[in-house]
Each structure stands twice: as C-alpha cells, then as structure tokens.
C-alpha cells in the first residue's frame, strides 16, 4: 500500500512472516530529504501496529537513505515470525 497524503509519501509493506514496515518521507530526517522507517506487526486480520520489540530497533529509524531502507526491509523480511 502506498500513497500521498497532504504531501506525505507513505508506503506500508507487509511480509509473509507477519512483519512489515511503514516508510514515510516526512519524518525524522526529512529536512535532509531522508526517510523514516517503522517496523510493523500484522495480526491475522491484516491490522497492524508499530512494533518496538524486535532486534532491529526499539523505535522508529530516522535519517534513512534509500540504501538504508532496503537493508532494513531485508532484515525485517528475515525476522522469525508466526503472526500470519
């Protein structure tokens, strides 16, 4: 899912392990044209919430370049999960 809301570019990604990510253009680092990523946990109904208890981070990750985002997404995709 993705879109533009009031100038904010938002992408929500979901992986088969039950985790996903929210990537936004206007978060921590936006002044430097960088992005912010938050790890998401999906439930069986497809609803999601921010996830702060994964080895990747305990908060949102700001000041991300495109390369940082790709590396973080790969790590999220590889998390062990059984939510779905």
PDB file of N, CA and C in Angstrom:
ATOM      1  N   UNK A   1       0.852  -1.158   0.000  1.00  0.00           N
ATOM      2  CA  UNK A   1       0.000   0.000   0.000  1.00  0.00           C
ATOM      3  C   UNK A   1       0.903   1.227   0.000  1.00  0.00           C
ATOM      4  N   UNK A   2       0.512   2.233  -0.680  1.00  0.00           N
ATOM      5  CA  UNK A   2       1.278   3.471  -0.697  1.00  0.00           C
ATOM      6  C   UNK A   2       0.412   4.600  -1.194  1.00  0.00           C
ATOM      7  N   UNK A   3       0.880   5.785  -0.970  1.00  0.00           N
ATOM      8  CA  UNK A   3       0.139   6.932  -1.431  1.00  0.00           C
ATOM      9  C   UNK A   3       0.718   8.227  -0.921  1.00  0.00           C
ATOM     10  N   UNK A   4       0.065   9.304  -1.297  1.00  0.00           N
ATOM     11  CA  UNK A   4       0.479  10.631  -0.861  1.00  0.00           C
ATOM     12  C   UNK A   4      -0.693  11.251  -0.116  1.00  0.00           C
ATOM     13  N   UNK A   5      -0.436  11.655   1.123  1.00  0.00           N
ATOM     14  CA  UNK A   5      -1.449  12.280   1.965  1.00  0.00           C
ATOM     15  C   UNK A   5      -0.891  13.611   2.445  1.00  0.00           C
ATOM     16  N   UNK A   6      -1.505  14.703   2.027  1.00  0.00           N
ATOM     17  CA  UNK A   6      -1.048  16.044   2.415  1.00  0.00           C
ATOM     18  C   UNK A   6       0.454  16.215   2.189  1.00  0.00           C
ATOM     19  N   UNK A   7       0.948  15.734   1.061  1.00  0.00           N
ATOM     20  CA  UNK A   7       2.363  15.884   0.726  1.00  0.00           C
ATOM     21  C   UNK A   7       3.276  14.848   1.350  1.00  0.00           C
ATOM     22  N   UNK A   8       2.728  14.014   2.229  1.00  0.00           N
ATOM     23  CA  UNK A   8       3.498  12.964   2.886  1.00  0.00           C
ATOM     24  C   UNK A   8       3.467  11.712   2.019  1.00  0.00           C
ATOM     25  N   UNK A   9       4.634  11.229   1.629  1.00  0.00           N
ATOM     26  CA  UNK A   9       4.704   9.990   0.866  1.00  0.00           C
ATOM     27  C   UNK A   9       4.772   8.845   1.857  1.00  0.00           C
ATOM     28  N   UNK A  10       3.835   7.926   1.755  1.00  0.00           N
ATOM     29  CA  UNK A  10       3.716   6.815   2.707  1.00  0.00           C
ATOM     30  C   UNK A  10       3.686   5.497   1.950  1.00  0.00           C
ATOM     31  N   UNK A  11       4.483   4.552   2.433  1.00  0.00           N
ATOM     32  CA  UNK A  11       4.458   3.183   1.911  1.00  0.00           C
ATOM     33  C   UNK A  11       4.320   2.249   3.102  1.00  0.00           C
ATOM     34  N   UNK A  12       3.399   1.303   3.007  1.00  0.00           N
ATOM     35  CA  UNK A  12       3.250   0.263   4.020  1.00  0.00           C
ATOM     36  C   UNK A  12       3.507  -1.061   3.323  1.00  0.00           C
ATOM     37  N   UNK A  13       4.478  -1.800   3.830  1.00  0.00           N
ATOM     38  CA  UNK A  13       4.845  -3.088   3.249  1.00  0.00           C
ATOM     39  C   UNK A  13       4.566  -4.195   4.252  1.00  0.00           C
ATOM     40  N   UNK A  14       4.163  -5.355   3.737  1.00  0.00           N
ATOM     41  CA  UNK A  14       3.849  -6.498   4.596  1.00  0.00           C
ATOM     42  C   UNK A  14       4.578  -7.726   4.058  1.00  0.00           C
ATOM     43  N   UNK A  15       5.218  -8.453   4.960  1.00  0.00           N
ATOM     44  CA  UNK A  15       5.947  -9.658   4.582  1.00  0.00           C
ATOM     45  C   UNK A  15       5.225 -10.891   5.115  1.00  0.00           C
ATOM     46  N   UNK A  16       5.566 -12.053   4.547  1.00  0.00           N
ATOM     47  CA  UNK A  16       4.901 -13.307   4.908  1.00  0.00           C
ATOM     48  C   UNK A  16       5.130 -13.712   6.362  1.00  0.00           C
ATOM     49  N   UNK A  17       6.157 -13.177   7.011  1.00  0.00           N
ATOM     50  CA  UNK A  17       6.451 -13.532   8.398  1.00  0.00           C
ATOM     51  C   UNK A  17       5.579 -12.790   9.408  1.00  0.00           C
ATOM     52  N   UNK A  18       4.690 -11.922   8.937  1.00  0.00           N
ATOM     53  CA  UNK A  18       3.811 -11.184   9.841  1.00  0.00           C
ATOM     54  C   UNK A  18       4.327  -9.816  10.225  1.00  0.00           C
ATOM     55  N   UNK A  19       5.510  -9.485   9.745  1.00  0.00           N
ATOM     56  CA  UNK A  19       6.077  -8.162   9.994  1.00  0.00           C
ATOM     57  C   UNK A  19       6.000  -7.330   8.725  1.00  0.00           C
ATOM     58  N   UNK A  20       6.211  -6.066   8.883  1.00  0.00           N
ATOM     59  CA  UNK A  20       6.221  -5.164   7.742  1.00  0.00           C
ATOM     60  C   UNK A  20       6.881  -3.872   8.134  1.00  0.00           C
ATOM     61  N   UNK A  21       6.689  -2.858   7.305  1.00  0.00           N
ATOM     62  CA  UNK A  21       7.305  -1.565   7.572  1.00  0.00           C
ATOM     63  C   UNK A  21       6.444  -0.445   7.021  1.00  0.00           C
ATOM     64  N   UNK A  22       6.548   0.663   7.684  1.00  0.00           N
ATOM     65  CA  UNK A  22       5.980   1.914   7.216  1.00  0.00           C
ATOM     66  C   UNK A  22       7.160   2.817   6.888  1.00  0.00           C
ATOM     67  N   UNK A  23       7.180   3.343   5.680  1.00  0.00           N
ATOM     68  CA  UNK A  23       8.247   4.249   5.256  1.00  0.00           C
ATOM     69  C   UNK A  23       7.599   5.568   4.883  1.00  0.00           C
ATOM     70  N   UNK A  24       8.061   6.643   5.516  1.00  0.00           N
ATOM     71  CA  UNK A  24       7.489   7.956   5.217  1.00  0.00           C
ATOM     72  C   UNK A  24       8.590   8.945   4.839  1.00  0.00           C
ATOM     73  N   UNK A  25       8.177   9.922   4.057  1.00  0.00           N
ATOM     74  CA  UNK A  25       9.124  10.918   3.567  1.00  0.00           C
ATOM     75  C   UNK A  25       9.244  12.124   4.485  1.00  0.00           C
ATOM     76  N   UNK A  26       8.304  12.312   5.377  1.00  0.00           N
ATOM     77  CA  UNK A  26       8.310  13.492   6.233  1.00  0.00           C
ATOM     78  C   UNK A  26       8.370  13.092   7.700  1.00  0.00           C
ATOM     79  N   UNK A  27       9.453  12.480   8.084  1.00  0.00           N
ATOM     80  CA  UNK A  27       9.653  12.084   9.473  1.00  0.00           C
ATOM     81  C   UNK A  27      11.014  12.573   9.919  1.00  0.00           C
ATOM     82  N   UNK A  28      11.626  11.788  10.789  1.00  0.00           N
ATOM     83  CA  UNK A  28      12.969  12.129  11.236  1.00  0.00           C
ATOM     84  C   UNK A  28      13.914  12.081  10.045  1.00  0.00           C
ATOM     85  N   UNK A  29      14.524  13.207   9.720  1.00  0.00           N
ATOM     86  CA  UNK A  29      15.458  13.273   8.606  1.00  0.00           C
ATOM     87  C   UNK A  29      14.899  13.943   7.378  1.00  0.00           C
ATOM     88  N   UNK A  30      13.625  14.329   7.408  1.00  0.00           N
ATOM     89  CA  UNK A  30      13.012  14.885   6.203  1.00  0.00           C
ATOM     90  C   UNK A  30      13.632  16.212   5.782  1.00  0.00           C
ATOM     91  N   UNK A  31      14.188  16.937   6.725  1.00  0.00           N
ATOM     92  CA  UNK A  31      14.840  18.202   6.352  1.00  0.00           C
ATOM     93  C   UNK A  31      16.024  17.955   5.426  1.00  0.00           C
ATOM     94  N   UNK A  32      16.610  16.778   5.540  1.00  0.00           N
ATOM     95  CA  UNK A  32      17.754  16.426   4.701  1.00  0.00           C
ATOM     96  C   UNK A  32      17.349  15.513   3.549  1.00  0.00           C
ATOM     97  N   UNK A  33      16.043  15.484   3.247  1.00  0.00           N
ATOM     98  CA  UNK A  33      15.491  14.635   2.180  1.00  0.00           C
ATOM     99  C   UNK A  33      15.731  13.156   2.440  1.00  0.00           C
ATOM    100  N   UNK A  34      15.752  12.789   3.710  1.00  0.00           N
ATOM    101  CA  UNK A  34      15.886  11.397   4.105  1.00  0.00           C
ATOM    102  C   UNK A  34      14.532  10.887   4.570  1.00  0.00           C
ATOM    103  N   UNK A  35      14.449   9.611   4.881  1.00  0.00           N
ATOM    104  CA  UNK A  35      13.166   8.993   5.213  1.00  0.00           C
ATOM    105  C   UNK A  35      13.176   8.389   6.613  1.00  0.00           C
ATOM    106  N   UNK A  36      11.990   8.004   7.056  1.00  0.00           N
ATOM    107  CA  UNK A  36      11.821   7.363   8.356  1.00  0.00           C
ATOM    108  C   UNK A  36      11.138   6.019   8.145  1.00  0.00           C
ATOM    109  N   UNK A  37      11.598   5.003   8.877  1.00  0.00           N
ATOM    110  CA  UNK A  37      11.024   3.662   8.793  1.00  0.00           C
ATOM    111  C   UNK A  37      10.566   3.221  10.174  1.00  0.00           C
ATOM    112  N   UNK A  38       9.395   2.598  10.222  1.00  0.00           N
ATOM    113  CA  UNK A  38       8.895   1.995  11.455  1.00  0.00           C
ATOM    114  C   UNK A  38       8.595   0.526  11.165  1.00  0.00           C
ATOM    115  N   UNK A  39       8.951  -0.347  12.082  1.00  0.00           N
ATOM    116  CA  UNK A  39       8.637  -1.765  11.952  1.00  0.00           C
ATOM    117  C   UNK A  39       7.188  -1.973  12.385  1.00  0.00           C
ATOM    118  N   UNK A  40       6.469  -2.778  11.613  1.00  0.00           N
ATOM    119  CA  UNK A  40       5.068  -3.058  11.902  1.00  0.00           C
ATOM    120  C   UNK A  40       4.885  -4.542  12.199  1.00  0.00           C
ATOM    121  N   UNK A  41       3.902  -4.844  13.030  1.00  0.00           N
ATOM    122  CA  UNK A  41       3.485  -6.217  13.278  1.00  0.00           C
ATOM    123  C   UNK A  41       2.033  -6.338  12.821  1.00  0.00           C
ATOM    124  N   UNK A  42       1.767  -7.306  11.958  1.00  0.00           N
ATOM    125  CA  UNK A  42       0.419  -7.542  11.440  1.00  0.00           C
ATOM    126  C   UNK A  42      -0.239  -8.673  12.202  1.00  0.00           C
ATOM    127  N   UNK A  43      -1.540  -8.556  12.427  1.00  0.00           N
ATOM    128  CA  UNK A  43      -2.271  -9.669  13.035  1.00  0.00           C
ATOM    129  C   UNK A  43      -2.944 -10.483  11.928  1.00  0.00           C
ATOM    130  N   UNK A  44      -3.670 -11.508  12.306  1.00  0.00           N
ATOM    131  CA  UNK A  44      -4.283 -12.408  11.323  1.00  0.00           C
ATOM    132  C   UNK A  44      -5.368 -11.735  10.498  1.00  0.00           C
ATOM    133  N   UNK A  45      -5.928 -10.643  11.001  1.00  0.00           N
ATOM    134  CA  UNK A  45      -6.950  -9.910  10.265  1.00  0.00           C
ATOM    135  C   UNK A  45      -6.357  -8.874   9.316  1.00  0.00           C
ATOM    136  N   UNK A  46      -5.035  -8.719   9.347  1.00  0.00           N
ATOM    137  CA  UNK A  46      -4.387  -7.745   8.469  1.00  0.00           C
ATOM    138  C   UNK A  46      -4.205  -6.374   9.088  1.00  0.00           C
ATOM    139  N   UNK A  47      -4.661  -6.221  10.322  1.00  0.00           N
ATOM    140  CA  UNK A  47      -4.441  -4.958  11.026  1.00  0.00           C
ATOM    141  C   UNK A  47      -2.987  -4.908  11.484  1.00  0.00           C
ATOM    142  N   UNK A  48      -2.447  -3.712  11.602  1.00  0.00           N
ATOM    143  CA  UNK A  48      -1.056  -3.615  12.028  1.00  0.00           C
ATOM    144  C   UNK A  48      -0.867  -2.538  13.088  1.00  0.00           C
ATOM    145  N   UNK A  49       0.240  -2.685  13.806  1.00  0.00           N
ATOM    146  CA  UNK A  49       0.613  -1.701  14.816  1.00  0.00           C
ATOM    147  C   UNK A  49       2.128  -1.587  14.806  1.00  0.00           C
ATOM    148  N   UNK A  50       2.611  -0.489  15.359  1.00  0.00           N
ATOM    149  CA  UNK A  50       4.056  -0.305  15.462  1.00  0.00           C
ATOM    150  C   UNK A  50       4.629  -1.370  16.373  1.00  0.00           C
ATOM    151  N   UNK A  51       5.785  -1.868  16.022  1.00  0.00           N
ATOM    152  CA  UNK A  51       6.424  -2.949  16.769  1.00  0.00           C
ATOM    153  C   UNK A  51       7.757  -2.443  17.305  1.00  0.00           C
ATOM    154  N   UNK A  52       7.873  -2.426  18.620  1.00  0.00           N
ATOM    155  CA  UNK A  52       9.075  -1.891  19.260  1.00  0.00           C
ATOM    156  C   UNK A  52       9.941  -2.966  19.913  1.00  0.00           C
ATOM    157  N   UNK A  53       9.596  -4.232  19.727  1.00  0.00           N
ATOM    158  CA  UNK A  53      10.331  -5.287  20.429  1.00  0.00           C
ATOM    159  C   UNK A  53      10.993  -6.278  19.470  1.00  0.00           C
ATOM    160  N   UNK A  54      11.643  -5.754  18.470  1.00  0.00           N
ATOM    161  CA  UNK A  54      12.398  -6.586  17.525  1.00  0.00           C
ATOM    162  C   UNK A  54      13.876  -6.232  17.620  1.00  0.00           C
ATOM    163  N   UNK A  55      14.754  -7.146  17.217  1.00  0.00           N
ATOM    164  CA  UNK A  55      16.184  -6.874  17.320  1.00  0.00           C
ATOM    165  C   UNK A  55      16.663  -5.729  16.419  1.00  0.00           C
ATOM    166  N   UNK A  56      15.871  -5.360  15.453  1.00  0.00           N
ATOM    167  CA  UNK A  56      16.286  -4.314  14.510  1.00  0.00           C
ATOM    168  C   UNK A  56      16.300  -2.947  15.177  1.00  0.00           C
ATOM    169  N   UNK A  57      15.264  -2.645  15.952  1.00  0.00           N
ATOM    170  CA  UNK A  57      15.164  -1.339  16.597  1.00  0.00           C
ATOM    171  C   UNK A  57      14.100  -1.375  17.687  1.00  0.00           C
ATOM    172  N   UNK A  58      14.183  -0.457  18.609  1.00  0.00           N
ATOM    173  CA  UNK A  58      13.155  -0.318  19.641  1.00  0.00           C
ATOM    174  C   UNK A  58      12.375   0.983  19.461  1.00  0.00           C
ATOM    175  N   UNK A  59      12.541   1.605  18.303  1.00  0.00           N
ATOM    176  CA  UNK A  59      11.877   2.867  17.997  1.00  0.00           C
ATOM    177  C   UNK A  59      11.790   2.978  16.476  1.00  0.00           C
ATOM    178  N   UNK A  60      11.284   4.083  15.972  1.00  0.00           N
ATOM    179  CA  UNK A  60      11.354   4.323  14.539  1.00  0.00           C
ATOM    180  C   UNK A  60      12.806   4.627  14.181  1.00  0.00           C
ATOM    181  N   UNK A  61      13.149   4.423  12.925  1.00  0.00           N
ATOM    182  CA  UNK A  61      14.513   4.685  12.456  1.00  0.00           C
ATOM    183  C   UNK A  61      14.448   5.870  11.505  1.00  0.00           C
ATOM    184  N   UNK A  62      15.068   6.960  11.888  1.00  0.00           N
ATOM    185  CA  UNK A  62      15.053   8.163  11.066  1.00  0.00           C
ATOM    186  C   UNK A  62      16.354   8.360  10.318  1.00  0.00           C
ATOM    187  N   UNK A  63      16.372   9.404   9.509  1.00  0.00           N
ATOM    188  CA  UNK A  63      17.561   9.777   8.733  1.00  0.00           C
ATOM    189  C   UNK A  63      18.038   8.641   7.835  1.00  0.00           C
ATOM    190  N   UNK A  64      17.102   7.951   7.182  1.00  0.00           N
ATOM    191  CA  UNK A  64      17.434   6.799   6.342  1.00  0.00           C
ATOM    192  C   UNK A  64      17.585   7.201   4.875  1.00  0.00           C
ATOM    193  N   UNK A  65      18.651   6.724   4.264  1.00  0.00           N
ATOM    194  CA  UNK A  65      18.803   6.844   2.819  1.00  0.00           C
ATOM    195  C   UNK A  65      18.019   5.702   2.170  1.00  0.00           C
ATOM    196  N   UNK A  66      17.904   5.730   0.855  1.00  0.00           N
ATOM    197  CA  UNK A  66      17.231   4.634   0.156  1.00  0.00           C
ATOM    198  C   UNK A  66      17.955   3.316   0.429  1.00  0.00           C
ATOM    199  N   UNK A  67      19.261   3.351   0.458  1.00  0.00           N
ATOM    200  CA  UNK A  67      20.041   2.139   0.734  1.00  0.00           C
ATOM    201  C   UNK A  67      19.746   1.617   2.144  1.00  0.00           C
ATOM    202  N   UNK A  68      19.680   2.537   3.123  1.00  0.00           N
ATOM    203  CA  UNK A  68      19.335   2.136   4.496  1.00  0.00           C
ATOM    204  C   UNK A  68      17.975   1.451   4.527  1.00  0.00           C
ATOM    205  N   UNK A  69      17.006   2.024   3.809  1.00  0.00           N
ATOM    206  CA  UNK A  69      15.652   1.468   3.789  1.00  0.00           C
ATOM    207  C   UNK A  69      15.681   0.044   3.242  1.00  0.00           C
ATOM    208  N   UNK A  70      16.364  -0.171   2.137  1.00  0.00           N
ATOM    209  CA  UNK A  70      16.432  -1.506   1.537  1.00  0.00           C
ATOM    210  C   UNK A  70      17.061  -2.494   2.519  1.00  0.00           C
ATOM    211  N   UNK A  71      18.138  -2.109   3.168  1.00  0.00           N
ATOM    212  CA  UNK A  71      18.798  -3.001   4.121  1.00  0.00           C
ATOM    213  C   UNK A  71      17.881  -3.324   5.301  1.00  0.00           C
ATOM    214  N   UNK A  72      17.175  -2.326   5.807  1.00  0.00           N
ATOM    215  CA  UNK A  72      16.242  -2.560   6.910  1.00  0.00           C
ATOM    216  C   UNK A  72      15.082  -3.456   6.487  1.00  0.00           C
ATOM    217  N   UNK A  73      14.564  -3.247   5.276  1.00  0.00           N
ATOM    218  CA  UNK A  73      13.464  -4.083   4.791  1.00  0.00           C
ATOM    219  C   UNK A  73      13.894  -5.543   4.672  1.00  0.00           C
ATOM    220  N   UNK A  74      15.108  -5.771   4.214  1.00  0.00           N
ATOM    221  CA  UNK A  74      15.614  -7.149   4.134  1.00  0.00           C
ATOM    222  C   UNK A  74      15.709  -7.782   5.516  1.00  0.00           C
ATOM    223  N   UNK A  75      16.152  -7.010   6.490  1.00  0.00           N
ATOM    224  CA  UNK A  75      16.240  -7.530   7.861  1.00  0.00           C
ATOM    225  C   UNK A  75      14.856  -7.834   8.420  1.00  0.00           C
ATOM    226  N   UNK A  76      13.888  -6.968   8.138  1.00  0.00           N
ATOM    227  CA  UNK A  76      12.514  -7.184   8.623  1.00  0.00           C
ATOM    228  C   UNK A  76      11.927  -8.429   7.954  1.00  0.00           C
ATOM    229  N   UNK A  77      12.141  -8.564   6.666  1.00  0.00           N
ATOM    230  CA  UNK A  77      11.626  -9.723   5.935  1.00  0.00           C
ATOM    231  C   UNK A  77      12.189 -11.030   6.499  1.00  0.00           C
ATOM    232  N   UNK A  78      13.409 -10.984   7.029  1.00  0.00           N
ATOM    233  CA  UNK A  78      14.058 -12.177   7.530  1.00  0.00           C
ATOM    234  C   UNK A  78      13.813 -12.452   9.012  1.00  0.00           C
ATOM    235  N   UNK A  79      13.035 -11.598   9.680  1.00  0.00           N
ATOM    236  CA  UNK A  79      12.711 -11.857  11.088  1.00  0.00           C
ATOM    237  C   UNK A  79      11.900 -13.137  11.196  1.00  0.00           C
ATOM    238  N   UNK A  80      12.109 -13.851  12.285  1.00  0.00           N
ATOM    239  CA  UNK A  80      11.299 -15.041  12.541  1.00  0.00           C
ATOM    240  C   UNK A  80       9.964 -14.585  13.109  1.00  0.00           C
ATOM    241  N   UNK A  81       8.900 -15.027  12.507  1.00  0.00           N
ATOM    242  CA  UNK A  81       7.584 -14.628  12.976  1.00  0.00           C
ATOM    243  C   UNK A  81       6.547 -15.661  12.622  1.00  0.00           C
ATOM    244  N   UNK A  82       5.493 -15.690  13.387  1.00  0.00           N
ATOM    245  CA  UNK A  82       4.398 -16.620  13.107  1.00  0.00           C
ATOM    246  C   UNK A  82       3.055 -15.938  13.311  1.00  0.00           C
ATOM    247  N   UNK A  83       3.045 -14.661  13.037  1.00  0.00           N
ATOM    248  CA  UNK A  83       1.813 -13.885  13.266  1.00  0.00           C
ATOM    249  C   UNK A  83       0.746 -14.269  12.251  1.00  0.00           C
ATOM    250  N   UNK A  84       1.151 -14.485  10.993  1.00  0.00           N
ATOM    251  CA  UNK A  84       0.185 -14.813   9.941  1.00  0.00           C
ATOM    252  C   UNK A  84      -0.069 -16.302   9.930  1.00  0.00           C
TER     253      UNK A  84
END
